[in-house]
C-alpha atoms as a PDB file:
ATOM      1  CA  MET A   1       4.134 -14.486  10.239  1.00  0.00           C
ATOM      2  CA  ALA A   2       4.140 -11.233   8.269  1.00  0.00           C
ATOM      3  CA  VAL A   3       2.381 -11.215   4.894  1.00  0.00           C
ATOM      4  CA  ALA A   4       2.980  -8.446   2.353  1.00  0.00           C
ATOM      5  CA  LEU A   5      -0.263  -7.630   0.559  1.00  0.00           C
ATOM      6  CA  ILE A   6       0.640  -5.762  -2.640  1.00  0.00           C
ATOM      7  CA  LEU A   7      -2.200  -3.778  -4.207  1.00  0.00           C
ATOM      8  CA  SER A   8      -1.834  -3.781  -7.978  1.00  0.00           C
ATOM      9  CA  GLY A   9      -5.433  -3.577  -9.163  1.00  0.00           C
ATOM     10  CA  GLY A  10      -5.503   0.110 -10.135  1.00  0.00           C
ATOM     11  CA  ASN A  11      -5.919   1.095 -13.777  1.00  0.00           C
ATOM     12  CA  GLY A  12      -3.907   4.327 -13.661  1.00  0.00           C
ATOM     13  CA  VAL A  13      -6.470   6.338 -15.630  1.00  0.00           C
ATOM     14  CA  ARG A  14      -5.493   9.561 -13.844  1.00  0.00           C
ATOM     15  CA  MET A  15      -2.083   9.472 -15.515  1.00  0.00           C
ATOM     16  CA  GLY A  16      -3.494   9.069 -19.011  1.00  0.00           C
ATOM     17  CA  LEU A  17      -1.213   6.134 -19.851  1.00  0.00           C
ATOM     18  CA  ASP A  18      -2.015   3.194 -22.103  1.00  0.00           C
ATOM     19  CA  ILE A  19      -1.270   0.759 -19.276  1.00  0.00           C
ATOM     20  CA  PRO A  20      -1.552   0.956 -15.480  1.00  0.00           C
ATOM     21  CA  LYS A  21       1.406   2.818 -13.968  1.00  0.00           C
ATOM     22  CA  GLN A  22       2.572  -0.193 -11.938  1.00  0.00           C
ATOM     23  CA  TYR A  23       3.336  -2.061 -15.170  1.00  0.00           C
ATOM     24  CA  VAL A  24       5.272   0.723 -16.866  1.00  0.00           C
ATOM     25  CA  GLU A  25       8.871  -0.302 -17.492  1.00  0.00           C
ATOM     26  CA  VAL A  26      11.612   1.746 -15.862  1.00  0.00           C
ATOM     27  CA  ASN A  27      15.189   0.711 -16.536  1.00  0.00           C
ATOM     28  CA  GLY A  28      14.032  -2.457 -18.273  1.00  0.00           C
ATOM     29  CA  ARG A  29      11.662  -3.692 -15.568  1.00  0.00           C
ATOM     30  CA  SER A  30       8.146  -2.952 -14.356  1.00  0.00           C
ATOM     31  CA  VAL A  31       7.425  -0.598 -11.455  1.00  0.00           C
ATOM     32  CA  ILE A  32       5.810  -3.415  -9.452  1.00  0.00           C
ATOM     33  CA  SER A  33       8.943  -5.531  -9.760  1.00  0.00           C
ATOM     34  CA  TYR A  34      10.798  -3.083  -7.504  1.00  0.00           C
ATOM     35  CA  CYS A  35       8.211  -3.657  -4.751  1.00  0.00           C
ATOM     36  CA  ILE A  36       8.331  -7.403  -5.224  1.00  0.00           C
ATOM     37  CA  GLU A  37      12.107  -7.503  -4.927  1.00  0.00           C
ATOM     38  CA  ARG A  38      12.330  -5.297  -1.836  1.00  0.00           C
ATOM     39  CA  LEU A  39       9.620  -7.213  -0.004  1.00  0.00           C
ATOM     40  CA  SER A  40      10.970 -10.618  -1.023  1.00  0.00           C
ATOM     41  CA  ARG A  41      14.457  -9.709   0.195  1.00  0.00           C
ATOM     42  CA  HIS A  42      13.278  -8.606   3.647  1.00  0.00           C
ATOM     43  CA  GLU A  43      13.958 -11.369   6.153  1.00  0.00           C
ATOM     44  CA  ARG A  44      10.848 -10.602   8.238  1.00  0.00           C
ATOM     45  CA  ILE A  45       8.399 -10.889   5.339  1.00  0.00           C
ATOM     46  CA  HIS A  46       7.287 -14.497   5.077  1.00  0.00           C
ATOM     47  CA  ALA A  47       4.738 -14.397   2.250  1.00  0.00           C
ATOM     48  CA  ILE A  48       3.559 -12.147  -0.574  1.00  0.00           C
ATOM     49  CA  GLN A  49      -0.035 -11.922  -1.805  1.00  0.00           C
ATOM     50  CA  ILE A  50      -0.800  -9.738  -4.834  1.00  0.00           C
ATOM     51  CA  VAL A  51      -4.154  -8.176  -5.743  1.00  0.00           C
ATOM     52  CA  ALA A  52      -4.169  -7.884  -9.535  1.00  0.00           C
ATOM     53  CA  SER A  53      -6.447  -8.262 -12.532  1.00  0.00           C
ATOM     54  CA  SER A  54      -6.149 -11.538 -14.437  1.00  0.00           C
ATOM     55  CA  ASP A  55      -5.158  -9.462 -17.488  1.00  0.00           C
ATOM     56  CA  TRP A  56      -1.833  -8.624 -15.850  1.00  0.00           C
ATOM     57  CA  GLN A  57      -1.046 -11.742 -13.866  1.00  0.00           C
ATOM     58  CA  ALA A  58       1.074 -13.296 -16.608  1.00  0.00           C
ATOM     59  CA  GLN A  59       3.296 -10.202 -16.687  1.00  0.00           C
ATOM     60  CA  ILE A  60       3.544 -10.175 -12.901  1.00  0.00           C
ATOM     61  CA  ARG A  61       4.591 -13.831 -12.935  1.00  0.00           C
ATOM     62  CA  GLN A  62       7.493 -12.877 -15.202  1.00  0.00           C
ATOM     63  CA  SER A  63       8.572 -10.325 -12.615  1.00  0.00           C
ATOM     64  CA  LEU A  64       8.153 -12.890  -9.840  1.00  0.00           C
ATOM     65  CA  GLU A  65      10.410 -15.376 -11.628  1.00  0.00           C
ATOM     66  CA  LYS A  66      13.218 -12.837 -11.626  1.00  0.00           C
ATOM     67  CA  TYR A  67      12.630 -10.612  -8.597  1.00  0.00           C
ATOM     68  CA  ASP A  68      10.883 -12.781  -6.000  1.00  0.00           C
ATOM     69  CA  ILE A  69      14.381 -13.635  -4.828  1.00  0.00           C
ATOM     70  CA  ASN A  70      13.291 -15.829  -1.934  1.00  0.00           C
ATOM     71  CA  GLY A  71      10.187 -17.427  -3.454  1.00  0.00           C
ATOM     72  CA  LYS A  72       7.650 -15.840  -1.104  1.00  0.00           C
ATOM     73  CA  PHE A  73       4.724 -15.417  -3.534  1.00  0.00           C
ATOM     74  CA  ARG A  74       1.593 -17.264  -2.355  1.00  0.00           C
ATOM     75  CA  GLY A  75      -1.102 -16.228  -4.799  1.00  0.00           C
ATOM     76  CA  PHE A  76      -3.243 -13.634  -6.560  1.00  0.00           C
ATOM     77  CA  SER A  77      -6.417 -11.998  -5.257  1.00  0.00           C
ATOM     78  CA  THR A  78      -9.210 -10.419  -7.257  1.00  0.00           C
ATOM     79  CA  PRO A  79      -9.407  -6.599  -7.321  1.00  0.00           C
ATOM     80  CA  GLY A  80     -12.544  -4.936  -5.960  1.00  0.00           C
ATOM     81  CA  GLN A  81     -14.547  -1.901  -7.060  1.00  0.00           C
ATOM     82  CA  ASN A  82     -12.246   0.342  -5.063  1.00  0.00           C
ATOM     83  CA  ARG A  83      -8.930   0.102  -3.251  1.00  0.00           C
ATOM     84  CA  GLN A  84     -10.381  -0.956   0.081  1.00  0.00           C
ATOM     85  CA  LEU A  85     -12.486  -3.738  -1.382  1.00  0.00           C
ATOM     86  CA  SER A  86      -9.287  -4.977  -3.024  1.00  0.00           C
ATOM     87  CA  VAL A  87      -7.670  -4.985   0.411  1.00  0.00           C
ATOM     88  CA  TYR A  88     -10.608  -6.987   1.771  1.00  0.00           C
ATOM     89  CA  HIS A  89     -10.379  -9.567  -1.017  1.00  0.00           C
ATOM     90  CA  GLY A  90      -6.674  -9.905  -0.322  1.00  0.00           C
ATOM     91  CA  LEU A  91      -7.295 -10.411   3.387  1.00  0.00           C
ATOM     92  CA  GLU A  92      -9.831 -13.156   2.643  1.00  0.00           C
ATOM     93  CA  ASP A  93      -7.165 -15.091   0.751  1.00  0.00           C
ATOM     94  CA  VAL A  94      -4.384 -14.355   3.239  1.00  0.00           C
ATOM     95  CA  ARG A  95      -6.483 -15.791   6.066  1.00  0.00           C
ATOM     96  CA  LYS A  96      -6.424 -19.161   4.296  1.00  0.00           C
ATOM     97  CA  TYR A  97      -2.778 -19.607   5.295  1.00  0.00           C
ATOM     98  CA  ALA A  98      -2.064 -16.998   7.995  1.00  0.00           C
ATOM     99  CA  GLU A  99      -3.254 -16.721  11.578  1.00  0.00           C
ATOM    100  CA  ASP A 100      -5.455 -13.885  12.830  1.00  0.00           C
ATOM    101  CA  SER A 101      -2.635 -12.829  15.152  1.00  0.00           C
ATOM    102  CA  ASP A 102      -0.231 -12.489  12.217  1.00  0.00           C
ATOM    103  CA  VAL A 103       0.491  -9.203  10.459  1.00  0.00           C
ATOM    104  CA  ALA A 104      -0.602  -8.002   7.031  1.00  0.00           C
ATOM    105  CA  LEU A 105       1.642  -5.345   5.523  1.00  0.00           C
ATOM    106  CA  VAL A 106      -0.532  -3.486   3.000  1.00  0.00           C
ATOM    107  CA  HIS A 107       1.534  -1.832   0.277  1.00  0.00           C
ATOM    108  CA  ASP A 108       0.916  -0.089  -3.049  1.00  0.00           C
ATOM    109  CA  ALA A 109       2.550  -1.465  -6.185  1.00  0.00           C
ATOM    110  CA  ALA A 110       3.005   2.177  -7.200  1.00  0.00           C
ATOM    111  CA  ARG A 111       5.343   2.849  -4.231  1.00  0.00           C
ATOM    112  CA  PRO A 112       8.464   1.169  -5.619  1.00  0.00           C
ATOM    113  CA  LEU A 113      11.000   2.852  -3.330  1.00  0.00           C
ATOM    114  CA  VAL A 114       9.902   1.376  -0.015  1.00  0.00           C
ATOM    115  CA  SER A 115      13.054   0.863   2.016  1.00  0.00           C
ATOM    116  CA  GLU A 116      14.162  -2.075   4.118  1.00  0.00           C
ATOM    117  CA  GLN A 117      14.181   0.255   7.119  1.00  0.00           C
ATOM    118  CA  MET A 118      10.579   1.361   6.536  1.00  0.00           C
ATOM    119  CA  ILE A 119       9.403  -2.245   6.356  1.00  0.00           C
ATOM    120  CA  THR A 120      11.305  -3.027   9.545  1.00  0.00           C
ATOM    121  CA  ASP A 121       9.937   0.056  11.324  1.00  0.00           C
ATOM    122  CA  CYS A 122       6.340  -0.914  10.482  1.00  0.00           C
ATOM    123  CA  LEU A 123       6.799  -4.474  11.705  1.00  0.00           C
ATOM    124  CA  GLU A 124       8.502  -3.281  14.884  1.00  0.00           C
ATOM    125  CA  ALA A 125       5.856  -0.641  15.609  1.00  0.00           C
ATOM    126  CA  VAL A 126       2.906  -3.025  15.311  1.00  0.00           C
ATOM    127  CA  GLN A 127       4.232  -5.130  18.196  1.00  0.00           C
ATOM    128  CA  GLY A 128       1.868  -4.606  21.119  1.00  0.00           C
ATOM    129  CA  HIS A 129      -0.664  -2.770  18.919  1.00  0.00           C
ATOM    130  CA  ASP A 130      -3.344  -3.532  16.341  1.00  0.00           C
ATOM    131  CA  GLY A 131      -1.665  -1.578  13.583  1.00  0.00           C
ATOM    132  CA  ALA A 132       0.975   0.908  12.529  1.00  0.00           C
ATOM    133  CA  VAL A 133       1.034   3.502   9.759  1.00  0.00           C
ATOM    134  CA  PRO A 134       3.905   5.712   8.536  1.00  0.00           C
ATOM    135  CA  VAL A 135       2.988   9.391   8.254  1.00  0.00           C
ATOM    136  CA  LEU A 136       4.522  12.677   7.184  1.00  0.00           C
ATOM    137  CA  PRO A 137       3.795  16.007   8.879  1.00  0.00           C
ATOM    138  CA  MET A 138       2.069  18.637   6.757  1.00  0.00           C
ATOM    139  CA  LYS A 139       4.447  21.331   5.531  1.00  0.00           C
ATOM    140  CA  ASP A 140       1.901  23.684   4.000  1.00  0.00           C
ATOM    141  CA  THR A 141      -0.947  25.609   5.558  1.00  0.00           C
ATOM    142  CA  VAL A 142      -4.138  23.536   5.312  1.00  0.00           C
ATOM    143  CA  TYR A 143      -7.484  25.174   4.625  1.00  0.00           C
ATOM    144  CA  GLN A 144     -11.033  23.861   4.782  1.00  0.00           C
ATOM    145  CA  SER A 145     -13.575  24.701   2.102  1.00  0.00           C
ATOM    146  CA  ILE A 146     -17.160  23.505   2.188  1.00  0.00           C
ATOM    147  CA  ASP A 147     -18.112  24.553  -1.340  1.00  0.00           C
ATOM    148  CA  GLY A 148     -14.703  24.173  -2.994  1.00  0.00           C
ATOM    149  CA  LYS A 149     -14.636  27.847  -3.895  1.00  0.00           C
ATOM    150  CA  ARG A 150     -14.141  29.833  -0.710  1.00  0.00           C
ATOM    151  CA  ILE A 151     -12.090  29.180   2.418  1.00  0.00           C
ATOM    152  CA  SER A 152     -14.383  28.326   5.317  1.00  0.00           C
ATOM    153  CA  GLY A 153     -11.800  27.407   7.926  1.00  0.00           C
ATOM    154  CA  LEU A 154      -8.175  26.842   8.809  1.00  0.00           C
ATOM    155  CA  VAL A 155      -7.039  23.366   9.902  1.00  0.00           C
ATOM    156  CA  ARG A 156      -4.296  23.103  12.514  1.00  0.00           C
ATOM    157  CA  ARG A 157      -1.267  21.944  10.606  1.00  0.00           C
ATOM    158  CA  SER A 158       0.246  20.414  13.751  1.00  0.00           C
ATOM    159  CA  GLU A 159      -2.691  17.997  13.967  1.00  0.00           C
ATOM    160  CA  ILE A 160      -2.697  16.885  10.328  1.00  0.00           C
ATOM    161  CA  TYR A 161      -0.532  14.112   8.849  1.00  0.00           C
ATOM    162  CA  ALA A 162      -0.234  12.538   5.417  1.00  0.00           C
ATOM    163  CA  GLY A 163      -0.413   8.756   5.477  1.00  0.00           C
ATOM    164  CA  GLN A 164       1.911   6.491   3.535  1.00  0.00           C
ATOM    165  CA  ALA A 165       2.241   2.767   2.890  1.00  0.00           C
ATOM    166  CA  PRO A 166       3.096   0.128   3.910  1.00  0.00           C
ATOM    167  CA  GLU A 167       0.529  -0.065   6.689  1.00  0.00           C
ATOM    168  CA  ALA A 168       0.750  -2.954   9.147  1.00  0.00           C
ATOM    169  CA  PHE A 169      -2.313  -4.561  10.767  1.00  0.00           C
ATOM    170  CA  ARG A 170      -3.176  -7.584  12.882  1.00  0.00           C
ATOM    171  CA  ILE A 171      -4.959  -9.711  10.316  1.00  0.00           C
ATOM    172  CA  GLY A 172      -7.951 -10.892  12.356  1.00  0.00           C
ATOM    173  CA  ALA A 173      -8.992  -7.540  13.817  1.00  0.00           C
ATOM    174  CA  TYR A 174      -8.391  -5.706  10.551  1.00  0.00           C
ATOM    175  CA  TYR A 175     -10.329  -8.268   8.515  1.00  0.00           C
ATOM    176  CA  GLU A 176     -13.282  -7.943  10.888  1.00  0.00           C
ATOM    177  CA  ALA A 177     -13.120  -4.131  10.698  1.00  0.00           C
ATOM    178  CA  ASN A 178     -13.418  -4.343   6.919  1.00  0.00           C
ATOM    179  CA  ARG A 179     -16.050  -7.081   6.940  1.00  0.00           C
ATOM    180  CA  ARG A 180     -18.369  -4.882   9.001  1.00  0.00           C
ATOM    181  CA  LEU A 181     -18.318  -2.280   6.233  1.00  0.00           C
ATOM    182  CA  CYS A 182     -19.422  -4.693   3.495  1.00  0.00           C
ATOM    183  CA  PRO A 183     -21.089  -4.580   1.104  1.00  0.00           C
ATOM    184  CA  ASP A 184     -21.700  -0.844   0.645  1.00  0.00           C
ATOM    185  CA  ARG A 185     -19.865   1.302   3.206  1.00  0.00           C
ATOM    186  CA  ILE A 186     -16.500  -0.142   2.235  1.00  0.00           C
ATOM    187  CA  LEU A 187     -16.904   1.560  -1.152  1.00  0.00           C
ATOM    188  CA  GLU A 188     -16.748   4.931   0.615  1.00  0.00           C
ATOM    189  CA  ILE A 189     -13.354   4.245   2.231  1.00  0.00           C
ATOM    190  CA  ASN A 190     -10.383   6.207   0.909  1.00  0.00           C
ATOM    191  CA  GLY A 191      -7.481   5.026   3.052  1.00  0.00           C
ATOM    192  CA  SER A 192      -6.460   1.598   4.335  1.00  0.00           C
ATOM    193  CA  THR A 193      -6.246   2.742   7.946  1.00  0.00           C
ATOM    194  CA  GLU A 194      -9.742   4.256   7.948  1.00  0.00           C
ATOM    195  CA  PRO A 195     -11.632   0.986   8.672  1.00  0.00           C
ATOM    196  CA  ALA A 196      -9.237   0.266  11.543  1.00  0.00           C
ATOM    197  CA  VAL A 197      -9.839   3.686  13.092  1.00  0.00           C
ATOM    198  CA  MET A 198     -13.597   3.350  12.630  1.00  0.00           C
ATOM    199  CA  ALA A 199     -13.469   0.002  14.447  1.00  0.00           C
ATOM    200  CA  GLY A 200     -11.548   1.481  17.372  1.00  0.00           C
ATOM    201  CA  MET A 201      -8.373  -0.482  16.703  1.00  0.00           C
ATOM    202  CA  ASP A 202      -5.174   0.661  18.402  1.00  0.00           C
ATOM    203  CA  ILE A 203      -3.182   2.223  15.550  1.00  0.00           C
ATOM    204  CA  VAL A 204       0.165   3.934  16.145  1.00  0.00           C
ATOM    205  CA  MET A 205       1.941   6.384  13.863  1.00  0.00           C
ATOM    206  CA  ILE A 206       5.593   6.159  12.888  1.00  0.00           C
ATOM    207  CA  ALA A 207       7.806   8.525  10.916  1.00  0.00           C
ATOM    208  CA  GLY A 208       7.289   8.262   7.180  1.00  0.00           C
ATOM    209  CA  ASP A 209       9.882   8.633   4.445  1.00  0.00           C
ATOM    210  CA  GLU A 210       9.845  11.448   1.867  1.00  0.00           C
ATOM    211  CA  GLY A 211      11.529   9.101  -0.598  1.00  0.00           C
ATOM    212  CA  ASN A 212       8.737   6.546  -0.287  1.00  0.00           C
ATOM    213  CA  PHE A 213       6.448   8.452  -2.646  1.00  0.00           C
ATOM    214  CA  LYS A 214       3.551   7.029  -4.631  1.00  0.00           C
ATOM    215  CA  ILE A 215       3.579   7.359  -8.395  1.00  0.00           C
ATOM    216  CA  THR A 216       0.327   9.175  -9.158  1.00  0.00           C
ATOM    217  CA  THR A 217       1.372  11.698 -11.822  1.00  0.00           C
ATOM    218  CA  ILE A 218       3.648  11.804 -14.843  1.00  0.00           C
ATOM    219  CA  GLU A 219       5.975  14.013 -12.800  1.00  0.00           C
ATOM    220  CA  ASP A 220       6.187  11.280 -10.130  1.00  0.00           C
ATOM    221  CA  LEU A 221       7.064   8.731 -12.800  1.00  0.00           C
ATOM    222  CA  LYS A 222       9.804  10.983 -14.178  1.00  0.00           C
ATOM    223  CA  ARG A 223      11.146  11.467 -10.659  1.00  0.00           C
ATOM    224  CA  PHE A 224      11.311   7.717 -10.159  1.00  0.00           C
ATOM    225  CA  GLN A 225      13.014   7.249 -13.521  1.00  0.00           C
ATOM    226  CA  GLU A 226      15.646   9.813 -12.558  1.00  0.00           C
ATOM    227  CA  ILE A 227      16.288   8.119  -9.196  1.00  0.00           C
ATOM    228  CA  VAL A 228      16.678   4.702 -10.815  1.00  0.00           C
ATOM    229  CA  SER A 229      18.987   6.115 -13.475  1.00  0.00           C
ATOM    230  CA  ARG A 230      21.252   7.635 -10.820  1.00  0.00           C
ATOM    231  CA  GLU A 231      21.439   4.328  -8.951  1.00  0.00           C
ATOM    232  CA  ARG A 232      22.521   2.293 -11.958  1.00  0.00           C
END
């Protein structure tokens, strides 16, 4: 079984919007609905679990009624203090109906352009491993600065990659990796793959997709709006 764990607990304060970015309407539908539809349509995704505040669950259910094409939604999970604690809460609920050997595909509601091929690539890559993460090579020169004012070092660009989502993990091992960090250290985690690496899990990298961007700024939202408008 492969379970898509959609993270939709963020409040989007960095964008200065009245509502979280994942609930903004683009072309008459919410951003999260694009994720729901693409994951529901994929034949190798068997269930969908969504981490979301109770304030927004009614709106999400409206999207599910229309865009969960194959009826894969299994339930909501409670958001945590940070992204990784939200992941952990989602895993706790997923383990109620999935096996530890199954796969959790962790995805951001604010990445609405995830392709069928990317989902397939993640699920293929995790076979024989504990996890798989799509990455993009760094294009720009990367500098290190200890004080945030002066350059203190140069990082080898060839050794640096930018992670994307979805990230695929074996549920049991990944749950345990996160559980070990509770209750405090998990609040220091910035990326979903970090607990897996810390636990020594076997995580492979696959080629990411430039089009699979995360909406984090107003410019990103405009870019998404333009893409959707062209596809109409």
